[in-house]
Amino acid sequence: MEASTNPRVVKTSGVLHGGPRIDGTRISVFVIGESIRQGEQSIEAILMGFPDLSREQVAVALEYYDENSELMGYLRLQRDLTRQRMLEQSCAPVENSDE
């Protein structure tokens, strides 16, 4: 497990692709941060969607998200590239195996 500046946020290779998550969960700091900071969800909605999370854990995730903008930008780019690849693959013509 990689050390973090916040002991409640951890990174573990093989869990969420090594991205930061709330300790003791598989809940991504990036997902929480993006959802709230982009206005998609409120803190209350996050707490309802993840009933095992405390308000303090959400606050810790947001603090980490805000303090690590370069990492979050990288994760955002990776997410967008993955979405683009999936879209391109889903629109690709189906090859006919009979030819």
Protein backbone atom coordinates (compact mmCIF):
# COMPACT_ATOMS: atom_id res chain seq x y z
CA MET A 1 0.00 0.00 0.00
CA GLU A 2 1.37 3.40 -0.97
CA ALA A 3 1.61 6.09 1.69
CA SER A 4 -0.78 8.99 1.39
CA THR A 5 -0.73 12.50 2.82
CA ASN A 6 -4.06 11.64 4.41
CA PRO A 7 -4.21 8.39 6.40
CA ARG A 8 -7.89 7.93 5.51
CA VAL A 9 -7.14 7.91 1.79
CA VAL A 10 -5.13 4.98 0.49
CA LYS A 11 -3.82 3.67 -2.81
CA THR A 12 -3.40 -0.05 -3.30
CA SER A 13 -2.14 -1.55 -6.54
CA GLY A 14 -4.79 -3.89 -7.89
CA VAL A 15 -7.65 -2.04 -6.20
CA LEU A 16 -9.40 0.57 -8.36
CA HIS A 17 -6.35 0.53 -10.66
CA GLY A 18 -4.24 1.91 -7.79
CA GLY A 19 -6.26 5.12 -7.59
CA PRO A 20 -6.98 6.88 -4.30
CA ARG A 21 -9.89 5.48 -2.35
CA ILE A 22 -11.39 5.86 1.09
CA ASP A 23 -9.61 3.50 3.48
CA GLY A 24 -11.58 0.35 4.21
CA THR A 25 -13.72 0.75 1.08
CA ARG A 26 -13.53 0.41 -2.68
CA ILE A 27 -15.03 3.89 -3.09
CA SER A 28 -12.96 6.16 -5.32
CA VAL A 29 -11.97 9.62 -4.16
CA PHE A 30 -12.13 10.67 -7.82
CA VAL A 31 -15.74 9.52 -8.22
CA ILE A 32 -16.84 11.35 -5.08
CA GLY A 33 -14.91 14.50 -5.97
CA GLU A 34 -16.08 14.62 -9.59
CA SER A 35 -19.70 13.98 -8.63
CA ILE A 36 -19.78 16.77 -6.09
CA ARG A 37 -17.43 19.33 -7.66
CA GLN A 38 -19.06 19.01 -11.10
CA GLY A 39 -22.48 19.56 -9.52
CA GLU A 40 -23.80 16.13 -10.46
CA GLN A 41 -24.60 15.17 -6.87
CA SER A 42 -24.76 16.78 -3.45
CA ILE A 43 -22.97 15.51 -0.37
CA GLU A 44 -26.35 14.29 0.87
CA ALA A 45 -26.91 12.33 -2.34
CA ILE A 46 -23.47 10.72 -2.00
CA LEU A 47 -24.26 9.75 1.60
CA MET A 48 -27.57 8.23 0.49
CA GLY A 49 -25.89 6.38 -2.38
CA PHE A 50 -23.09 5.08 -0.16
CA PRO A 51 -24.82 4.54 3.20
CA ASP A 52 -21.68 3.07 4.79
CA LEU A 53 -19.81 6.36 4.32
CA SER A 54 -19.77 9.03 6.98
CA ARG A 55 -19.94 12.76 6.31
CA GLU A 56 -16.35 12.95 7.61
CA GLN A 57 -15.17 10.40 5.04
CA VAL A 58 -16.78 12.40 2.24
CA ALA A 59 -15.10 15.56 3.56
CA VAL A 60 -11.73 13.77 3.63
CA ALA A 61 -12.26 12.56 0.05
CA LEU A 62 -13.11 16.09 -1.10
CA GLU A 63 -10.07 17.52 0.68
CA TYR A 64 -7.82 14.97 -1.02
CA TYR A 65 -9.51 15.61 -4.38
CA ASP A 66 -8.99 19.38 -4.06
CA GLU A 67 -5.38 19.09 -2.87
CA ASN A 68 -4.34 16.71 -5.67
CA SER A 69 -5.58 18.50 -8.78
CA GLU A 70 -2.78 17.17 -11.00
CA LEU A 71 -3.60 13.55 -10.13
CA MET A 72 -7.32 14.21 -10.55
CA GLY A 73 -6.64 15.76 -13.96
CA TYR A 74 -4.73 12.63 -14.96
CA LEU A 75 -7.57 10.38 -13.75
CA ARG A 76 -10.09 12.56 -15.62
CA LEU A 77 -8.04 12.21 -18.82
CA GLN A 78 -7.84 8.44 -18.38
CA ARG A 79 -11.60 8.26 -17.83
CA ASP A 80 -12.29 10.35 -20.93
CA LEU A 81 -9.92 8.29 -23.09
CA THR A 82 -11.55 5.07 -21.90
CA ARG A 83 -15.01 6.47 -22.69
CA GLN A 84 -13.84 7.52 -26.15
CA ARG A 85 -12.36 4.06 -26.87
CA MET A 86 -15.56 2.38 -25.72
CA LEU A 87 -17.65 4.68 -27.91
CA GLU A 88 -15.46 4.03 -30.93
CA GLN A 89 -15.62 0.27 -30.37
CA SER A 90 -19.37 0.29 -29.92
CA CYS A 91 -19.80 2.16 -33.22
CA ALA A 92 -17.34 0.00 -35.14
CA PRO A 93 -18.84 -1.99 -38.01
CA VAL A 94 -19.36 -5.65 -37.24
CA GLU A 95 -17.10 -7.89 -39.28
CA ASN A 96 -18.87 -10.60 -41.24
CA SER A 97 -17.25 -13.94 -40.43
CA ASP A 98 -18.90 -15.60 -43.47
CA GLU A 99 -16.63 -13.88 -45.99
